[in-house]
Amino acid sequence: MTTIGKPHSNISSILTSDLAVYRVAIKSGNFCFGSLVAESGLVCTECGTADCSQRHATWFRKRIFDLCTGEVFQNVPILRARFCDGTTKSLFPAELWRGRATVSSVLEAVSSAINGGVEQALQQAVSAGDGDEPFSERTLRRWIKRAGDRAPVASATLNFPLGAGRPPVEKLETFLSQVHPHHLLALRRQWGFSILDVPPPQEPPSTATRIKPVPGVN
């Protein structure tokens, strides 16, 4: 099974850290707010930059699960920024999306299903948690399809070669073996939503502007 992000865990970045590190950093206040806004990719429609951003408020996601470890994160803080155009926007870490599990652990479950089958992936998730099934077979199959549909566009955007003519399942596994939370955040900046989220109808993923490789991340 592919382990998302672990080979590069020494890279320091709050928004691309695991949720335990992220939560401690945000609650401690040991960060530069302007740098976080810049890293998130958010910009003001009035001045065209993030220089005007000011810390506005904090809201909380109630429960987020890591499907691989069984860890549950309660009340994850999400910072909000206000811009000079009057809008407020949330600074989401790379691991969050609209679902209740971390993005990396969902992608690892997908990888496990590709390599060992859906039943094995379900059993691994049950073993990591409290004994209850954290997601259904139907949900896992939906994740597999969504990841498979997004992988070609995401890999092209990130300049990941998948190999022409290879079966889709092999291309997906190649993508999963290379993706890192830094890349997940880069895709969010480019698309405006997470790799697992259902995109707004008017804003489909685009490879018109390719993301430059992240220094130090293969």
N, C-alpha and C. Protein backbone atom coordinates (compact mmCIF):
# COMPACT_ATOMS: atom_id res chain seq x y z
N MET A 1 0.84 -1.20 0.00
CA MET A 1 0.00 0.00 0.00
C MET A 1 0.87 1.24 0.00
N THR A 2 0.48 2.24 -0.74
CA THR A 2 1.18 3.51 -0.76
C THR A 2 0.96 4.25 0.55
N THR A 3 2.01 4.84 1.09
CA THR A 3 1.90 5.65 2.29
C THR A 3 2.02 7.10 1.89
N ILE A 4 0.91 7.81 1.91
CA ILE A 4 0.87 9.17 1.42
C ILE A 4 1.64 10.10 2.35
N GLY A 5 2.62 10.79 1.80
CA GLY A 5 3.25 11.88 2.52
C GLY A 5 4.35 11.49 3.49
N LYS A 6 4.45 10.24 3.93
CA LYS A 6 5.39 9.89 4.98
C LYS A 6 6.86 10.10 4.60
N PRO A 7 7.29 9.84 3.34
CA PRO A 7 8.70 10.02 3.01
C PRO A 7 9.19 11.45 3.17
N HIS A 8 8.28 12.43 3.17
CA HIS A 8 8.69 13.83 3.23
C HIS A 8 8.18 14.51 4.49
N SER A 9 7.98 13.72 5.57
CA SER A 9 7.36 14.27 6.76
C SER A 9 8.25 15.27 7.48
N ASN A 10 9.53 15.39 7.09
CA ASN A 10 10.42 16.34 7.73
C ASN A 10 10.24 17.75 7.18
N ILE A 11 9.47 17.92 6.13
CA ILE A 11 9.26 19.24 5.56
C ILE A 11 8.32 20.03 6.46
N SER A 12 8.74 21.23 6.87
CA SER A 12 7.99 22.02 7.82
C SER A 12 7.00 22.92 7.10
N SER A 13 5.72 22.73 7.36
CA SER A 13 4.68 23.57 6.78
C SER A 13 3.39 23.29 7.54
N ILE A 14 2.80 24.32 8.13
CA ILE A 14 1.62 24.10 8.96
C ILE A 14 0.46 23.55 8.15
N LEU A 15 0.17 24.15 7.00
CA LEU A 15 -0.99 23.73 6.23
C LEU A 15 -0.83 22.36 5.61
N THR A 16 0.39 21.86 5.50
CA THR A 16 0.60 20.53 4.93
C THR A 16 1.06 19.53 5.98
N SER A 17 1.04 19.92 7.24
CA SER A 17 1.37 19.00 8.33
C SER A 17 0.19 18.07 8.59
N ASP A 18 0.44 16.98 9.36
CA ASP A 18 -0.70 16.17 9.78
C ASP A 18 -1.53 17.00 10.76
N LEU A 19 -2.75 16.59 11.00
CA LEU A 19 -3.68 17.43 11.75
C LEU A 19 -3.27 17.63 13.20
N ALA A 20 -2.53 16.67 13.78
CA ALA A 20 -2.07 16.84 15.16
C ALA A 20 -1.10 18.01 15.26
N VAL A 21 -0.14 18.07 14.33
CA VAL A 21 0.84 19.15 14.31
C VAL A 21 0.16 20.47 13.97
N TYR A 22 -0.72 20.43 12.98
CA TYR A 22 -1.44 21.63 12.56
C TYR A 22 -2.25 22.22 13.72
N ARG A 23 -2.97 21.38 14.42
CA ARG A 23 -3.84 21.87 15.49
C ARG A 23 -3.03 22.51 16.62
N VAL A 24 -1.92 21.89 16.99
CA VAL A 24 -1.06 22.44 18.04
C VAL A 24 -0.51 23.80 17.62
N ALA A 25 -0.06 23.89 16.36
CA ALA A 25 0.52 25.14 15.87
C ALA A 25 -0.50 26.27 15.85
N ILE A 26 -1.71 25.97 15.39
CA ILE A 26 -2.74 27.00 15.32
C ILE A 26 -3.16 27.44 16.71
N LYS A 27 -3.36 26.49 17.61
CA LYS A 27 -3.80 26.85 18.96
C LYS A 27 -2.73 27.60 19.73
N SER A 28 -1.45 27.31 19.46
CA SER A 28 -0.36 27.99 20.15
C SER A 28 -0.14 29.40 19.62
N GLY A 29 -0.60 29.66 18.39
CA GLY A 29 -0.38 30.96 17.78
C GLY A 29 1.03 31.14 17.25
N ASN A 30 1.77 30.04 17.19
CA ASN A 30 3.18 30.11 16.75
C ASN A 30 3.26 30.00 15.23
N PHE A 31 2.76 31.03 14.54
CA PHE A 31 2.80 31.05 13.08
C PHE A 31 2.64 32.49 12.60
N CYS A 32 2.99 32.70 11.35
CA CYS A 32 2.81 34.01 10.71
C CYS A 32 1.54 33.94 9.88
N PHE A 33 0.53 34.71 10.24
CA PHE A 33 -0.75 34.65 9.55
C PHE A 33 -0.62 35.01 8.08
N GLY A 34 0.15 36.05 7.77
CA GLY A 34 0.33 36.46 6.38
C GLY A 34 0.95 35.36 5.53
N SER A 35 1.90 34.62 6.12
CA SER A 35 2.54 33.52 5.39
C SER A 35 1.55 32.40 5.12
N LEU A 36 0.67 32.14 6.08
CA LEU A 36 -0.34 31.09 5.89
C LEU A 36 -1.32 31.46 4.78
N VAL A 37 -1.71 32.74 4.73
CA VAL A 37 -2.62 33.18 3.67
C VAL A 37 -1.94 33.02 2.31
N ALA A 38 -0.67 33.43 2.24
CA ALA A 38 0.07 33.30 0.99
C ALA A 38 0.20 31.83 0.58
N GLU A 39 0.47 30.96 1.55
CA GLU A 39 0.61 29.53 1.26
C GLU A 39 -0.71 28.93 0.79
N SER A 40 -1.82 29.44 1.32
CA SER A 40 -3.13 28.89 0.96
C SER A 40 -3.51 29.23 -0.48
N GLY A 41 -2.90 30.29 -1.03
CA GLY A 41 -3.21 30.69 -2.39
C GLY A 41 -4.38 31.65 -2.50
N LEU A 42 -4.96 32.06 -1.37
CA LEU A 42 -6.09 32.99 -1.40
C LEU A 42 -5.62 34.40 -1.77
N VAL A 43 -6.40 35.10 -2.59
CA VAL A 43 -6.08 36.47 -2.97
C VAL A 43 -7.34 37.32 -2.93
N CYS A 44 -7.13 38.61 -2.84
CA CYS A 44 -8.23 39.57 -2.80
C CYS A 44 -8.62 39.95 -4.23
N THR A 45 -9.91 40.02 -4.49
CA THR A 45 -10.35 40.40 -5.84
C THR A 45 -10.18 41.89 -6.09
N GLU A 46 -10.01 42.68 -5.04
CA GLU A 46 -9.87 44.12 -5.18
C GLU A 46 -8.44 44.51 -5.55
N CYS A 47 -7.46 44.04 -4.75
CA CYS A 47 -6.07 44.43 -4.99
C CYS A 47 -5.27 43.35 -5.71
N GLY A 48 -5.84 42.16 -5.84
CA GLY A 48 -5.16 41.10 -6.58
C GLY A 48 -4.04 40.41 -5.85
N THR A 49 -3.89 40.69 -4.54
CA THR A 49 -2.84 40.07 -3.73
C THR A 49 -3.46 39.58 -2.43
N ALA A 50 -2.60 39.04 -1.56
CA ALA A 50 -3.03 38.65 -0.22
C ALA A 50 -2.46 39.60 0.83
N ASP A 51 -1.82 40.69 0.37
CA ASP A 51 -1.15 41.60 1.30
C ASP A 51 -2.13 42.30 2.24
N CYS A 52 -3.37 42.46 1.81
CA CYS A 52 -4.36 43.18 2.62
C CYS A 52 -5.02 42.29 3.66
N SER A 53 -4.74 40.99 3.64
CA SER A 53 -5.47 40.05 4.49
C SER A 53 -5.26 40.34 5.97
N GLN A 54 -6.32 40.18 6.73
CA GLN A 54 -6.29 40.31 8.17
C GLN A 54 -7.01 39.13 8.79
N ARG A 55 -6.51 38.72 9.94
CA ARG A 55 -7.16 37.60 10.64
C ARG A 55 -8.55 38.02 11.08
N HIS A 56 -9.54 37.23 10.72
CA HIS A 56 -10.93 37.61 10.96
C HIS A 56 -11.57 36.81 12.10
N ALA A 57 -11.48 35.51 12.02
CA ALA A 57 -12.14 34.66 13.02
C ALA A 57 -11.60 33.24 12.91
N THR A 58 -12.10 32.37 13.77
CA THR A 58 -11.76 30.95 13.72
C THR A 58 -13.04 30.14 13.88
N TRP A 59 -13.20 29.13 13.02
CA TRP A 59 -14.30 28.21 13.20
C TRP A 59 -13.74 26.80 13.32
N PHE A 60 -14.56 25.83 13.63
CA PHE A 60 -14.05 24.51 13.99
C PHE A 60 -14.79 23.39 13.25
N ARG A 61 -14.02 22.44 12.73
CA ARG A 61 -14.60 21.19 12.23
C ARG A 61 -14.73 20.24 13.41
N LYS A 62 -15.91 19.67 13.62
CA LYS A 62 -16.18 18.92 14.85
C LYS A 62 -15.37 17.63 14.98
N ARG A 63 -15.39 16.80 13.94
CA ARG A 63 -14.70 15.50 14.02
C ARG A 63 -14.09 15.14 12.67
N ILE A 64 -12.81 14.84 12.69
CA ILE A 64 -12.11 14.38 11.49
C ILE A 64 -11.38 13.08 11.85
N PHE A 65 -11.45 12.09 10.97
CA PHE A 65 -10.86 10.78 11.23
C PHE A 65 -9.63 10.55 10.36
N ASP A 66 -8.64 9.89 10.93
CA ASP A 66 -7.55 9.33 10.15
C ASP A 66 -7.84 7.84 10.01
N LEU A 67 -8.21 7.41 8.81
CA LEU A 67 -8.64 6.03 8.59
C LEU A 67 -7.51 5.03 8.77
N CYS A 68 -6.26 5.50 8.65
CA CYS A 68 -5.11 4.59 8.74
C CYS A 68 -4.72 4.31 10.18
N THR A 69 -4.82 5.32 11.04
CA THR A 69 -4.39 5.17 12.44
C THR A 69 -5.56 5.04 13.40
N GLY A 70 -6.75 5.40 12.95
CA GLY A 70 -7.89 5.39 13.84
C GLY A 70 -8.00 6.63 14.71
N GLU A 71 -7.07 7.56 14.55
CA GLU A 71 -7.08 8.76 15.37
C GLU A 71 -8.26 9.65 14.99
N VAL A 72 -8.86 10.25 16.00
CA VAL A 72 -9.99 11.16 15.81
C VAL A 72 -9.58 12.55 16.28
N PHE A 73 -9.77 13.54 15.42
CA PHE A 73 -9.42 14.93 15.76
C PHE A 73 -10.71 15.70 16.02
N GLN A 74 -10.83 16.21 17.24
CA GLN A 74 -12.02 16.94 17.64
C GLN A 74 -11.78 18.45 17.51
N ASN A 75 -12.78 19.16 17.03
CA ASN A 75 -12.74 20.63 16.98
C ASN A 75 -11.45 21.16 16.35
N VAL A 76 -11.24 20.80 15.09
CA VAL A 76 -10.06 21.26 14.35
C VAL A 76 -10.26 22.73 13.96
N PRO A 77 -9.35 23.62 14.38
CA PRO A 77 -9.53 25.05 14.10
C PRO A 77 -9.23 25.41 12.65
N ILE A 78 -10.09 26.23 12.07
CA ILE A 78 -9.91 26.74 10.71
C ILE A 78 -9.89 28.26 10.77
N LEU A 79 -8.79 28.87 10.36
CA LEU A 79 -8.68 30.32 10.38
C LEU A 79 -9.43 30.94 9.21
N ARG A 80 -9.92 32.15 9.44
CA ARG A 80 -10.57 32.91 8.37
C ARG A 80 -9.85 34.24 8.19
N ALA A 81 -9.74 34.66 6.93
CA ALA A 81 -9.08 35.92 6.59
C ALA A 81 -10.08 36.87 5.96
N ARG A 82 -9.93 38.16 6.29
CA ARG A 82 -10.75 39.19 5.65
C ARG A 82 -9.88 40.01 4.71
N PHE A 83 -10.40 40.28 3.51
CA PHE A 83 -9.66 41.03 2.50
C PHE A 83 -10.28 42.42 2.30
N CYS A 84 -9.56 43.29 1.60
CA CYS A 84 -10.02 44.66 1.45
C CYS A 84 -11.24 44.77 0.52
N ASP A 85 -11.59 43.69 -0.18
CA ASP A 85 -12.82 43.70 -0.97
C ASP A 85 -14.04 43.36 -0.11
N GLY A 86 -13.81 43.14 1.19
CA GLY A 86 -14.88 42.85 2.12
C GLY A 86 -15.21 41.39 2.30
N THR A 87 -14.59 40.50 1.51
CA THR A 87 -14.88 39.07 1.61
C THR A 87 -14.07 38.43 2.73
N THR A 88 -14.58 37.32 3.24
CA THR A 88 -13.84 36.50 4.20
C THR A 88 -13.73 35.09 3.63
N LYS A 89 -12.57 34.49 3.82
CA LYS A 89 -12.32 33.15 3.28
C LYS A 89 -11.59 32.30 4.30
N SER A 90 -11.80 30.99 4.21
CA SER A 90 -11.19 30.05 5.15
C SER A 90 -9.86 29.52 4.63
N LEU A 91 -8.91 29.32 5.54
CA LEU A 91 -7.60 28.77 5.20
C LEU A 91 -7.60 27.29 5.56
N PHE A 92 -7.93 26.45 4.60
CA PHE A 92 -8.03 25.02 4.86
C PHE A 92 -6.66 24.35 4.78
N PRO A 93 -6.32 23.51 5.76
CA PRO A 93 -5.11 22.69 5.62
C PRO A 93 -5.31 21.65 4.52
N ALA A 94 -4.21 21.12 4.00
CA ALA A 94 -4.29 20.20 2.87
C ALA A 94 -5.09 18.94 3.18
N GLU A 95 -5.12 18.53 4.45
CA GLU A 95 -5.76 17.26 4.81
C GLU A 95 -7.27 17.33 4.91
N LEU A 96 -7.85 18.53 4.80
CA LEU A 96 -9.30 18.64 4.97
C LEU A 96 -10.04 18.76 3.64
N TRP A 97 -11.24 18.22 3.61
CA TRP A 97 -12.17 18.38 2.50
C TRP A 97 -13.57 18.31 3.11
N ARG A 98 -14.60 18.17 2.32
CA ARG A 98 -15.95 18.15 2.88
C ARG A 98 -16.26 16.86 3.61
N GLY A 99 -15.49 15.81 3.34
CA GLY A 99 -15.70 14.54 4.01
C GLY A 99 -15.17 14.55 5.44
N ARG A 100 -15.44 13.47 6.17
CA ARG A 100 -15.08 13.40 7.59
C ARG A 100 -13.75 12.73 7.86
N ALA A 101 -13.05 12.28 6.82
CA ALA A 101 -11.75 11.65 6.99
C ALA A 101 -10.68 12.51 6.35
N THR A 102 -9.43 12.36 6.79
CA THR A 102 -8.34 13.12 6.19
C THR A 102 -8.14 12.68 4.75
N VAL A 103 -7.70 13.60 3.92
CA VAL A 103 -7.52 13.30 2.49
C VAL A 103 -6.49 12.18 2.31
N SER A 104 -5.35 12.30 3.00
CA SER A 104 -4.29 11.30 2.83
C SER A 104 -4.77 9.90 3.20
N SER A 105 -5.55 9.79 4.29
CA SER A 105 -5.99 8.46 4.70
C SER A 105 -7.02 7.89 3.73
N VAL A 106 -7.81 8.74 3.10
CA VAL A 106 -8.73 8.26 2.07
C VAL A 106 -7.94 7.74 0.87
N LEU A 107 -6.91 8.49 0.46
CA LEU A 107 -6.10 8.05 -0.68
C LEU A 107 -5.34 6.77 -0.36
N GLU A 108 -4.93 6.60 0.89
CA GLU A 108 -4.27 5.35 1.28
C GLU A 108 -5.25 4.19 1.27
N ALA A 109 -6.51 4.44 1.67
CA ALA A 109 -7.52 3.40 1.60
C ALA A 109 -7.77 3.00 0.14
N VAL A 110 -7.77 3.99 -0.75
CA VAL A 110 -7.91 3.72 -2.18
C VAL A 110 -6.75 2.86 -2.67
N SER A 111 -5.53 3.22 -2.26
CA SER A 111 -4.36 2.46 -2.66
C SER A 111 -4.42 1.03 -2.13
N SER A 112 -4.86 0.88 -0.89
CA SER A 112 -5.00 -0.45 -0.30
C SER A 112 -6.01 -1.30 -1.07
N ALA A 113 -7.10 -0.67 -1.49
CA ALA A 113 -8.12 -1.39 -2.26
C ALA A 113 -7.60 -1.82 -3.62
N ILE A 114 -6.78 -0.95 -4.23
CA ILE A 114 -6.20 -1.29 -5.54
C ILE A 114 -5.27 -2.47 -5.43
N ASN A 115 -4.46 -2.50 -4.38
CA ASN A 115 -3.44 -3.54 -4.24
C ASN A 115 -3.96 -4.83 -3.63
N GLY A 116 -4.88 -4.72 -2.68
CA GLY A 116 -5.32 -5.93 -1.97
C GLY A 116 -6.80 -6.22 -2.05
N GLY A 117 -7.56 -5.33 -2.68
CA GLY A 117 -9.00 -5.54 -2.79
C GLY A 117 -9.78 -4.71 -1.80
N VAL A 118 -11.05 -4.51 -2.10
CA VAL A 118 -11.91 -3.67 -1.28
C VAL A 118 -12.08 -4.25 0.12
N GLU A 119 -12.27 -5.56 0.22
CA GLU A 119 -12.48 -6.17 1.52
C GLU A 119 -11.28 -5.97 2.43
N GLN A 120 -10.07 -6.09 1.89
CA GLN A 120 -8.87 -5.88 2.69
C GLN A 120 -8.78 -4.44 3.18
N ALA A 121 -9.10 -3.49 2.30
CA ALA A 121 -9.06 -2.09 2.69
C ALA A 121 -10.07 -1.80 3.80
N LEU A 122 -11.26 -2.40 3.71
CA LEU A 122 -12.26 -2.22 4.75
C LEU A 122 -11.79 -2.80 6.07
N GLN A 123 -11.17 -3.99 6.01
CA GLN A 123 -10.71 -4.65 7.23
C GLN A 123 -9.57 -3.87 7.88
N GLN A 124 -8.69 -3.32 7.09
CA GLN A 124 -7.60 -2.52 7.64
C GLN A 124 -8.14 -1.29 8.36
N ALA A 125 -9.15 -0.67 7.80
CA ALA A 125 -9.74 0.51 8.43
C ALA A 125 -10.43 0.14 9.74
N VAL A 126 -11.10 -1.01 9.76
CA VAL A 126 -11.75 -1.48 10.98
C VAL A 126 -10.71 -1.76 12.06
N SER A 127 -9.61 -2.40 11.67
CA SER A 127 -8.55 -2.74 12.63
C SER A 127 -7.89 -1.51 13.21
N ALA A 128 -7.77 -0.46 12.39
CA ALA A 128 -7.11 0.77 12.86
C ALA A 128 -8.01 1.56 13.80
N GLY A 129 -9.33 1.38 13.68
CA GLY A 129 -10.26 2.16 14.48
C GLY A 129 -10.69 1.45 15.74
N ASP A 130 -11.95 1.68 16.13
CA ASP A 130 -12.48 1.12 17.38
C ASP A 130 -13.28 -0.15 17.16
N GLY A 131 -13.14 -0.75 15.98
CA GLY A 131 -13.85 -1.98 15.69
C GLY A 131 -15.07 -1.80 14.82
N ASP A 132 -15.52 -0.56 14.69
CA ASP A 132 -16.65 -0.27 13.81
C ASP A 132 -16.13 0.06 12.42
N GLU A 133 -16.96 -0.21 11.43
CA GLU A 133 -16.59 0.09 10.05
C GLU A 133 -16.69 1.59 9.81
N PRO A 134 -15.56 2.29 9.54
CA PRO A 134 -15.58 3.75 9.41
C PRO A 134 -16.17 4.25 8.10
N PHE A 135 -16.27 3.37 7.11
CA PHE A 135 -16.89 3.72 5.84
C PHE A 135 -17.41 2.44 5.20
N SER A 136 -18.35 2.60 4.31
CA SER A 136 -18.97 1.45 3.66
C SER A 136 -18.23 1.08 2.39
N GLU A 137 -18.53 -0.12 1.88
CA GLU A 137 -17.95 -0.54 0.60
C GLU A 137 -18.38 0.40 -0.51
N ARG A 138 -19.63 0.84 -0.46
CA ARG A 138 -20.13 1.77 -1.48
C ARG A 138 -19.34 3.09 -1.44
N THR A 139 -19.07 3.58 -0.24
CA THR A 139 -18.29 4.82 -0.11
C THR A 139 -16.89 4.63 -0.64
N LEU A 140 -16.25 3.51 -0.30
CA LEU A 140 -14.89 3.25 -0.77
C LEU A 140 -14.85 3.19 -2.29
N ARG A 141 -15.82 2.53 -2.89
CA ARG A 141 -15.85 2.44 -4.35
C ARG A 141 -16.06 3.83 -4.98
N ARG A 142 -16.83 4.68 -4.31
CA ARG A 142 -17.00 6.05 -4.80
C ARG A 142 -15.68 6.82 -4.72
N TRP A 143 -14.94 6.61 -3.62
CA TRP A 143 -13.62 7.25 -3.49
C TRP A 143 -12.66 6.76 -4.58
N ILE A 144 -12.67 5.46 -4.86
CA ILE A 144 -11.79 4.90 -5.88
C ILE A 144 -12.09 5.53 -7.24
N LYS A 145 -13.37 5.63 -7.56
CA LYS A 145 -13.74 6.22 -8.85
C LYS A 145 -13.34 7.69 -8.92
N ARG A 146 -13.60 8.42 -7.84
CA ARG A 146 -13.27 9.85 -7.86
C ARG A 146 -11.78 10.06 -7.97
N ALA A 147 -11.00 9.29 -7.20
CA ALA A 147 -9.54 9.42 -7.28
C ALA A 147 -9.04 9.04 -8.66
N GLY A 148 -9.63 7.98 -9.25
CA GLY A 148 -9.23 7.57 -10.59
C GLY A 148 -9.56 8.61 -11.64
N ASP A 149 -10.71 9.27 -11.48
CA ASP A 149 -11.09 10.31 -12.43
C ASP A 149 -10.20 11.54 -12.32
N ARG A 150 -9.79 11.86 -11.10
CA ARG A 150 -8.99 13.08 -10.87
C ARG A 150 -7.51 12.88 -11.15
N ALA A 151 -7.02 11.64 -11.00
CA ALA A 151 -5.58 11.39 -11.09
C ALA A 151 -4.95 11.90 -12.39
N PRO A 152 -5.54 11.64 -13.58
CA PRO A 152 -4.91 12.13 -14.81
C PRO A 152 -4.80 13.65 -14.86
N VAL A 153 -5.87 14.35 -14.44
CA VAL A 153 -5.85 15.81 -14.46
C VAL A 153 -4.87 16.33 -13.42
N ALA A 154 -4.91 15.74 -12.22
CA ALA A 154 -4.00 16.18 -11.16
C ALA A 154 -2.55 15.92 -11.53
N SER A 155 -2.26 14.77 -12.12
CA SER A 155 -0.88 14.44 -12.48
C SER A 155 -0.36 15.36 -13.56
N ALA A 156 -1.23 15.72 -14.51
CA ALA A 156 -0.82 16.66 -15.55
C ALA A 156 -0.56 18.04 -14.95
N THR A 157 -1.42 18.45 -14.02
CA THR A 157 -1.25 19.74 -13.37
C THR A 157 0.04 19.79 -12.57
N LEU A 158 0.38 18.68 -11.93
CA LEU A 158 1.58 18.60 -11.10
C LEU A 158 2.82 18.14 -11.86
N ASN A 159 2.65 17.88 -13.16
CA ASN A 159 3.75 17.37 -13.99
C ASN A 159 4.25 16.02 -13.51
N PHE A 160 3.33 15.15 -13.12
CA PHE A 160 3.65 13.78 -12.75
C PHE A 160 3.48 12.90 -13.99
N PRO A 161 4.50 12.25 -14.49
CA PRO A 161 4.31 11.34 -15.62
C PRO A 161 3.65 10.05 -15.16
N LEU A 162 2.58 9.64 -15.83
CA LEU A 162 1.88 8.41 -15.47
C LEU A 162 2.16 7.28 -16.46
N GLY A 163 2.70 7.63 -17.62
CA GLY A 163 3.00 6.60 -18.61
C GLY A 163 1.85 6.40 -19.57
N ALA A 164 2.06 6.76 -20.81
CA ALA A 164 1.01 6.63 -21.83
C ALA A 164 0.72 5.16 -22.10
N GLY A 165 -0.54 4.85 -22.28
CA GLY A 165 -0.94 3.50 -22.64
C GLY A 165 -1.07 2.54 -21.48
N ARG A 166 -0.75 2.96 -20.26
CA ARG A 166 -0.88 2.06 -19.12
C ARG A 166 -2.34 1.98 -18.68
N PRO A 167 -2.76 0.87 -18.08
CA PRO A 167 -4.14 0.74 -17.60
C PRO A 167 -4.45 1.82 -16.56
N PRO A 168 -5.70 2.28 -16.49
CA PRO A 168 -6.07 3.33 -15.54
C PRO A 168 -5.71 3.01 -14.10
N VAL A 169 -5.85 1.75 -13.69
CA VAL A 169 -5.56 1.39 -12.31
C VAL A 169 -4.07 1.56 -12.00
N GLU A 170 -3.21 1.27 -12.98
CA GLU A 170 -1.78 1.45 -12.79
C GLU A 170 -1.42 2.94 -12.74
N LYS A 171 -2.10 3.73 -13.55
CA LYS A 171 -1.87 5.17 -13.53
C LYS A 171 -2.27 5.75 -12.17
N LEU A 172 -3.39 5.28 -11.64
CA LEU A 172 -3.83 5.78 -10.35
C LEU A 172 -2.84 5.42 -9.27
N GLU A 173 -2.36 4.20 -9.25
CA GLU A 173 -1.39 3.79 -8.23
C GLU A 173 -0.08 4.55 -8.37
N THR A 174 0.33 4.84 -9.60
CA THR A 174 1.54 5.65 -9.81
C THR A 174 1.34 7.04 -9.23
N PHE A 175 0.18 7.61 -9.48
CA PHE A 175 -0.13 8.93 -8.92
C PHE A 175 -0.10 8.90 -7.39
N LEU A 176 -0.75 7.89 -6.80
CA LEU A 176 -0.80 7.79 -5.34
C LEU A 176 0.58 7.60 -4.73
N SER A 177 1.49 6.97 -5.48
CA SER A 177 2.84 6.75 -4.95
C SER A 177 3.67 8.02 -4.94
N GLN A 178 3.24 9.06 -5.65
CA GLN A 178 4.01 10.29 -5.75
C GLN A 178 3.40 11.46 -4.99
N VAL A 179 2.09 11.43 -4.77
CA VAL A 179 1.41 12.60 -4.21
C VAL A 179 1.77 12.77 -2.73
N HIS A 180 1.86 14.02 -2.30
CA HIS A 180 2.25 14.41 -0.95
C HIS A 180 1.31 15.55 -0.53
N PRO A 181 1.09 15.79 0.77
CA PRO A 181 0.23 16.91 1.17
C PRO A 181 0.60 18.25 0.55
N HIS A 182 1.89 18.48 0.25
CA HIS A 182 2.25 19.71 -0.44
C HIS A 182 1.56 19.78 -1.81
N HIS A 183 1.48 18.63 -2.47
CA HIS A 183 0.82 18.59 -3.76
C HIS A 183 -0.69 18.77 -3.60
N LEU A 184 -1.25 18.19 -2.54
CA LEU A 184 -2.68 18.34 -2.29
C LEU A 184 -3.05 19.80 -2.08
N LEU A 185 -2.18 20.53 -1.37
CA LEU A 185 -2.44 21.96 -1.16
C LEU A 185 -2.27 22.72 -2.47
N ALA A 186 -1.29 22.34 -3.27
CA ALA A 186 -1.09 23.00 -4.56
C ALA A 186 -2.29 22.81 -5.47
N LEU A 187 -2.88 21.62 -5.44
CA LEU A 187 -4.07 21.36 -6.25
C LEU A 187 -5.25 22.18 -5.75
N ARG A 188 -5.38 22.31 -4.44
CA ARG A 188 -6.45 23.14 -3.88
C ARG A 188 -6.30 24.59 -4.32
N ARG A 189 -5.08 25.09 -4.32
CA ARG A 189 -4.83 26.47 -4.77
C ARG A 189 -5.22 26.63 -6.23
N GLN A 190 -4.90 25.61 -7.04
CA GLN A 190 -5.16 25.69 -8.48
C GLN A 190 -6.64 25.55 -8.80
N TRP A 191 -7.31 24.61 -8.13
CA TRP A 191 -8.69 24.28 -8.47
C TRP A 191 -9.72 25.05 -7.65
N GLY A 192 -9.34 25.41 -6.40
CA GLY A 192 -10.30 26.05 -5.51
C GLY A 192 -11.07 25.06 -4.66
N PHE A 193 -10.74 23.78 -4.73
CA PHE A 193 -11.38 22.74 -3.93
C PHE A 193 -10.43 21.56 -3.81
N SER A 194 -10.70 20.67 -2.88
CA SER A 194 -9.84 19.52 -2.64
C SER A 194 -9.95 18.50 -3.77
N ILE A 195 -8.93 17.65 -3.88
CA ILE A 195 -8.92 16.61 -4.90
C ILE A 195 -10.08 15.63 -4.74
N LEU A 196 -10.65 15.53 -3.54
CA LEU A 196 -11.76 14.61 -3.30
C LEU A 196 -13.12 15.28 -3.34
N ASP A 197 -13.16 16.60 -3.32
CA ASP A 197 -14.43 17.31 -3.30
C ASP A 197 -15.11 17.28 -4.67
N VAL A 198 -16.43 17.38 -4.64
CA VAL A 198 -17.19 17.55 -5.88
C VAL A 198 -17.01 19.01 -6.31
N PRO A 199 -16.46 19.28 -7.49
CA PRO A 199 -16.19 20.65 -7.89
C PRO A 199 -17.45 21.42 -8.23
N PRO A 200 -17.40 22.75 -8.05
CA PRO A 200 -18.53 23.56 -8.52
C PRO A 200 -18.69 23.37 -10.02
N PRO A 201 -19.90 23.30 -10.53
CA PRO A 201 -20.12 23.06 -11.96
C PRO A 201 -19.41 24.05 -12.87
N GLN A 202 -19.28 25.30 -12.41
CA GLN A 202 -18.70 26.32 -13.27
C GLN A 202 -17.17 26.38 -13.17
N GLU A 203 -16.58 25.55 -12.28
CA GLU A 203 -15.13 25.62 -12.09
C GLU A 203 -14.50 24.23 -12.15
N PRO A 204 -14.52 23.57 -13.30
CA PRO A 204 -13.89 22.24 -13.40
C PRO A 204 -12.38 22.36 -13.32
N PRO A 205 -11.67 21.27 -12.94
CA PRO A 205 -10.21 21.30 -12.92
C PRO A 205 -9.65 21.68 -14.28
N SER A 206 -8.58 22.44 -14.29
CA SER A 206 -7.97 22.87 -15.54
C SER A 206 -6.46 22.71 -15.46
N THR A 207 -5.86 22.32 -16.56
CA THR A 207 -4.40 22.22 -16.62
C THR A 207 -3.82 23.36 -17.44
N ALA A 208 -4.62 24.39 -17.65
CA ALA A 208 -4.14 25.52 -18.47
C ALA A 208 -2.90 26.15 -17.87
N THR A 209 -2.89 26.26 -16.53
CA THR A 209 -1.71 26.78 -15.83
C THR A 209 -1.16 25.66 -14.98
N ARG A 210 -0.03 25.15 -15.34
CA ARG A 210 0.54 24.03 -14.61
C ARG A 210 1.26 24.51 -13.37
N ILE A 211 1.18 23.69 -12.32
CA ILE A 211 1.84 24.02 -11.06
C ILE A 211 3.31 23.66 -11.15
N LYS A 212 4.16 24.56 -10.70
CA LYS A 212 5.59 24.28 -10.71
C LYS A 212 5.89 23.22 -9.65
N PRO A 213 6.90 22.35 -9.89
CA PRO A 213 7.24 21.33 -8.90
C PRO A 213 7.58 21.96 -7.55
N VAL A 214 7.16 21.31 -6.45
CA VAL A 214 7.46 21.81 -5.12
C VAL A 214 8.91 21.48 -4.79
N PRO A 215 9.74 22.46 -4.42
CA PRO A 215 11.15 22.19 -4.12
C PRO A 215 11.29 21.15 -3.01
N GLY A 216 12.11 20.15 -3.24
CA GLY A 216 12.39 19.15 -2.24
C GLY A 216 11.37 18.04 -2.17
N VAL A 217 10.32 18.10 -3.02
CA VAL A 217 9.28 17.06 -3.01
C VAL A 217 9.22 16.44 -4.38
N ASN A 218 9.38 15.14 -4.45
CA ASN A 218 9.35 14.44 -5.74
C ASN A 218 7.92 14.07 -6.09
